[in-house]
PDB file of N, CA and C in Angstrom:
ATOM      1  N   PRO A   1      29.924 100.786  86.087  1.00  0.00           N
ATOM      2  CA  PRO A   1      29.575 101.505  84.865  1.00  0.00           C
ATOM      3  C   PRO A   1      28.801 100.596  83.910  1.00  0.00           C
ATOM      4  N   GLY A   2      27.778 101.138  83.352  1.00  0.00           N
ATOM      5  CA  GLY A   2      27.003 100.377  82.390  1.00  0.00           C
ATOM      6  C   GLY A   2      25.896  99.543  83.007  1.00  0.00           C
ATOM      7  N   SER A   3      25.889  99.387  84.321  1.00  0.00           N
ATOM      8  CA  SER A   3      24.842  98.597  84.977  1.00  0.00           C
ATOM      9  C   SER A   3      23.578  99.433  85.119  1.00  0.00           C
ATOM     10  N   PRO A   4      22.402  98.830  84.941  1.00  0.00           N
ATOM     11  CA  PRO A   4      21.167  99.597  85.115  1.00  0.00           C
ATOM     12  C   PRO A   4      20.959  99.979  86.580  1.00  0.00           C
ATOM     13  N   THR A   5      20.401 101.140  86.786  1.00  0.00           N
ATOM     14  CA  THR A   5      20.110 101.603  88.146  1.00  0.00           C
ATOM     15  C   THR A   5      18.635 101.955  88.247  1.00  0.00           C
ATOM     16  N   PHE A   6      18.136 101.992  89.448  1.00  0.00           N
ATOM     17  CA  PHE A   6      16.763 102.414  89.668  1.00  0.00           C
ATOM     18  C   PHE A   6      16.671 103.086  91.030  1.00  0.00           C
ATOM     19  N   THR A   7      15.639 103.877  91.215  1.00  0.00           N
ATOM     20  CA  THR A   7      15.414 104.608  92.454  1.00  0.00           C
ATOM     21  C   THR A   7      14.211 104.004  93.160  1.00  0.00           C
ATOM     22  N   VAL A   8      14.322 103.830  94.468  1.00  0.00           N
ATOM     23  CA  VAL A   8      13.242 103.248  95.261  1.00  0.00           C
ATOM     24  C   VAL A   8      12.820 104.248  96.325  1.00  0.00           C
ATOM     25  N   LEU A   9      11.527 104.434  96.454  1.00  0.00           N
ATOM     26  CA  LEU A   9      10.964 105.235  97.536  1.00  0.00           C
ATOM     27  C   LEU A   9      10.092 104.305  98.361  1.00  0.00           C
ATOM     28  N   HIS A  10      10.474 104.069  99.610  1.00  0.00           N
ATOM     29  CA  HIS A  10       9.741 103.169 100.506  1.00  0.00           C
ATOM     30  C   HIS A  10       9.061 104.015 101.582  1.00  0.00           C
ATOM     31  N   LEU A  11       7.749 103.990 101.614  1.00  0.00           N
ATOM     32  CA  LEU A  11       6.975 104.700 102.629  1.00  0.00           C
ATOM     33  C   LEU A  11       6.219 103.673 103.450  1.00  0.00           C
ATOM     34  N   SER A  12       6.215 103.855 104.763  1.00  0.00           N
ATOM     35  CA  SER A  12       5.480 102.921 105.614  1.00  0.00           C
ATOM     36  C   SER A  12       4.754 103.679 106.714  1.00  0.00           C
ATOM     37  N   ASP A  13       3.692 103.095 107.207  1.00  0.00           N
ATOM     38  CA  ASP A  13       2.894 103.654 108.300  1.00  0.00           C
ATOM     39  C   ASP A  13       2.410 105.066 107.973  1.00  0.00           C
ATOM     40  N   ILE A  14       1.913 105.241 106.773  1.00  0.00           N
ATOM     41  CA  ILE A  14       1.410 106.549 106.356  1.00  0.00           C
ATOM     42  C   ILE A  14      -0.047 106.679 106.792  1.00  0.00           C
ATOM     43  N   HIS A  15      -0.338 107.692 107.544  1.00  0.00           N
ATOM     44  CA  HIS A  15      -1.710 107.987 107.948  1.00  0.00           C
ATOM     45  C   HIS A  15      -1.813 109.466 108.303  1.00  0.00           C
ATOM     46  N   VAL A  16      -3.013 109.973 108.248  1.00  0.00           N
ATOM     47  CA  VAL A  16      -3.263 111.371 108.589  1.00  0.00           C
ATOM     48  C   VAL A  16      -4.166 111.396 109.806  1.00  0.00           C
ATOM     49  N   ASP A  17      -3.778 112.136 110.806  1.00  0.00           N
ATOM     50  CA  ASP A  17      -4.602 112.313 112.006  1.00  0.00           C
ATOM     51  C   ASP A  17      -4.854 113.808 112.144  1.00  0.00           C
ATOM     52  N   PHE A  18      -6.033 114.239 111.747  1.00  0.00           N
ATOM     53  CA  PHE A  18      -6.354 115.660 111.765  1.00  0.00           C
ATOM     54  C   PHE A  18      -6.513 116.204 113.182  1.00  0.00           C
ATOM     55  N   ASP A  19      -6.588 115.324 114.178  1.00  0.00           N
ATOM     56  CA  ASP A  19      -6.709 115.759 115.569  1.00  0.00           C
ATOM     57  C   ASP A  19      -5.363 115.821 116.289  1.00  0.00           C
ATOM     58  N   TYR A  20      -4.270 115.428 115.601  1.00  0.00           N
ATOM     59  CA  TYR A  20      -2.933 115.471 116.201  1.00  0.00           C
ATOM     60  C   TYR A  20      -2.591 116.913 116.554  1.00  0.00           C
ATOM     61  N   THR A  21      -2.064 117.118 117.762  1.00  0.00           N
ATOM     62  CA  THR A  21      -1.728 118.463 118.219  1.00  0.00           C
ATOM     63  C   THR A  21      -0.287 118.498 118.717  1.00  0.00           C
ATOM     64  N   PRO A  22       0.630 119.138 117.972  1.00  0.00           N
ATOM     65  CA  PRO A  22       2.006 119.253 118.453  1.00  0.00           C
ATOM     66  C   PRO A  22       2.041 119.929 119.822  1.00  0.00           C
ATOM     67  N   GLY A  23       2.884 119.427 120.707  1.00  0.00           N
ATOM     68  CA  GLY A  23       3.010 119.978 122.050  1.00  0.00           C
ATOM     69  C   GLY A  23       2.055 119.361 123.051  1.00  0.00           C
ATOM     70  N   SER A  24       1.152 118.503 122.580  1.00  0.00           N
ATOM     71  CA  SER A  24       0.184 117.884 123.489  1.00  0.00           C
ATOM     72  C   SER A  24       0.805 116.684 124.206  1.00  0.00           C
ATOM     73  N   GLN A  25       0.052 116.090 125.095  1.00  0.00           N
ATOM     74  CA  GLN A  25       0.529 114.945 125.868  1.00  0.00           C
ATOM     75  C   GLN A  25       0.782 113.771 124.929  1.00  0.00           C
ATOM     76  N   SER A  26       1.989 113.236 124.951  1.00  0.00           N
ATOM     77  CA  SER A  26       2.344 112.147 124.037  1.00  0.00           C
ATOM     78  C   SER A  26       2.461 110.799 124.734  1.00  0.00           C
ATOM     79  N   ASP A  27       2.444 110.779 126.041  1.00  0.00           N
ATOM     80  CA  ASP A  27       2.573 109.530 126.797  1.00  0.00           C
ATOM     81  C   ASP A  27       1.273 109.318 127.566  1.00  0.00           C
ATOM     82  N   CYS A  28       0.369 108.540 126.987  1.00  0.00           N
ATOM     83  CA  CYS A  28      -0.919 108.326 127.636  1.00  0.00           C
ATOM     84  C   CYS A  28      -1.317 106.857 127.507  1.00  0.00           C
ATOM     85  N   SER A  29      -2.389 106.478 128.140  1.00  0.00           N
ATOM     86  CA  SER A  29      -2.834 105.083 128.117  1.00  0.00           C
ATOM     87  C   SER A  29      -3.904 104.838 127.057  1.00  0.00           C
ATOM     88  N   GLN A  30      -4.169 105.828 126.223  1.00  0.00           N
ATOM     89  CA  GLN A  30      -5.180 105.696 125.179  1.00  0.00           C
ATOM     90  C   GLN A  30      -4.550 105.132 123.899  1.00  0.00           C
ATOM     91  N   PRO A  31      -5.355 104.507 123.037  1.00  0.00           N
ATOM     92  CA  PRO A  31      -4.807 103.998 121.770  1.00  0.00           C
ATOM     93  C   PRO A  31      -4.236 105.107 120.884  1.00  0.00           C
ATOM     94  N   LEU A  32      -4.854 106.282 120.919  1.00  0.00           N
ATOM     95  CA  LEU A  32      -4.366 107.420 120.136  1.00  0.00           C
ATOM     96  C   LEU A  32      -4.043 108.564 121.075  1.00  0.00           C
ATOM     97  N   CYS A  33      -2.773 108.904 121.171  1.00  0.00           N
ATOM     98  CA  CYS A  33      -2.342 110.015 122.020  1.00  0.00           C
ATOM     99  C   CYS A  33      -2.059 111.233 121.149  1.00  0.00           C
ATOM    100  N   CYS A  34      -1.501 112.240 121.745  1.00  0.00           N
ATOM    101  CA  CYS A  34      -1.085 113.459 121.040  1.00  0.00           C
ATOM    102  C   CYS A  34      -2.267 114.206 120.445  1.00  0.00           C
ATOM    103  N   ARG A  35      -3.402 114.143 121.119  1.00  0.00           N
ATOM    104  CA  ARG A  35      -4.596 114.800 120.599  1.00  0.00           C
ATOM    105  C   ARG A  35      -5.092 115.896 121.525  1.00  0.00           C
ATOM    106  N   GLY A  36      -4.304 116.311 122.457  1.00  0.00           N
ATOM    107  CA  GLY A  36      -4.715 117.373 123.359  1.00  0.00           C
ATOM    108  C   GLY A  36      -4.186 117.116 124.752  1.00  0.00           C
ATOM    109  N   GLY A  37      -4.435 118.043 125.629  1.00  0.00           N
ATOM    110  CA  GLY A  37      -3.939 117.918 126.991  1.00  0.00           C
ATOM    111  C   GLY A  37      -2.498 118.362 127.086  1.00  0.00           C
ATOM    112  N   GLN A  38      -2.097 118.699 128.267  1.00  0.00           N
ATOM    113  CA  GLN A  38      -0.733 119.150 128.513  1.00  0.00           C
ATOM    114  C   GLN A  38       0.125 117.968 128.942  1.00  0.00           C
ATOM    115  N   PRO A  39       1.394 117.939 128.536  1.00  0.00           N
ATOM    116  CA  PRO A  39       2.279 116.868 128.994  1.00  0.00           C
ATOM    117  C   PRO A  39       2.506 116.972 130.498  1.00  0.00           C
ATOM    118  N   ALA A  40       2.768 115.850 131.118  1.00  0.00           N
ATOM    119  CA  ALA A  40       3.038 115.820 132.553  1.00  0.00           C
ATOM    120  C   ALA A  40       4.302 116.626 132.841  1.00  0.00           C
ATOM    121  N   PRO A  41       4.407 117.203 134.029  1.00  0.00           N
ATOM    122  CA  PRO A  41       5.620 117.950 134.377  1.00  0.00           C
ATOM    123  C   PRO A  41       6.869 117.085 134.177  1.00  0.00           C
ATOM    124  N   GLY A  42       7.858 117.633 133.531  1.00  0.00           N
ATOM    125  CA  GLY A  42       9.101 116.911 133.279  1.00  0.00           C
ATOM    126  C   GLY A  42       9.080 116.061 132.018  1.00  0.00           C
ATOM    127  N   HIS A  43       7.957 116.021 131.304  1.00  0.00           N
ATOM    128  CA  HIS A  43       7.849 115.237 130.073  1.00  0.00           C
ATOM    129  C   HIS A  43       7.696 116.179 128.882  1.00  0.00           C
ATOM    130  N   ALA A  44       8.323 115.805 127.795  1.00  0.00           N
ATOM    131  CA  ALA A  44       8.219 116.612 126.579  1.00  0.00           C
ATOM    132  C   ALA A  44       6.886 116.345 125.896  1.00  0.00           C
ATOM    133  N   GLY A  45       6.373 117.345 125.245  1.00  0.00           N
ATOM    134  CA  GLY A  45       5.142 117.177 124.487  1.00  0.00           C
ATOM    135  C   GLY A  45       5.413 116.530 123.137  1.00  0.00           C
ATOM    136  N   ALA A  46       4.350 116.253 122.418  1.00  0.00           N
ATOM    137  CA  ALA A  46       4.459 115.642 121.099  1.00  0.00           C
ATOM    138  C   ALA A  46       5.192 116.580 120.146  1.00  0.00           C
ATOM    139  N   GLY A  47       6.025 116.015 119.313  1.00  0.00           N
ATOM    140  CA  GLY A  47       6.759 116.808 118.336  1.00  0.00           C
ATOM    141  C   GLY A  47       5.896 117.203 117.152  1.00  0.00           C
ATOM    142  N   PHE A  48       6.443 118.048 116.300  1.00  0.00           N
ATOM    143  CA  PHE A  48       5.700 118.492 115.123  1.00  0.00           C
ATOM    144  C   PHE A  48       5.416 117.329 114.189  1.00  0.00           C
ATOM    145  N   TRP A  49       6.394 116.457 113.992  1.00  0.00           N
ATOM    146  CA  TRP A  49       6.212 115.287 113.139  1.00  0.00           C
ATOM    147  C   TRP A  49       5.997 114.128 114.030  1.00  0.00           C
TER     148      TRP A  49
END
């Protein structure tokens, strides 16, 4: 009681990729994945976030 408090918001790795496609192939050998294509059989696609 009586001690000062403060609120901290820490954000990291913030970027926007307008070519990101949920449900697309997320495991690839390219530097940027999740931009299209179907996931391999038995693999989940890229999530919404």
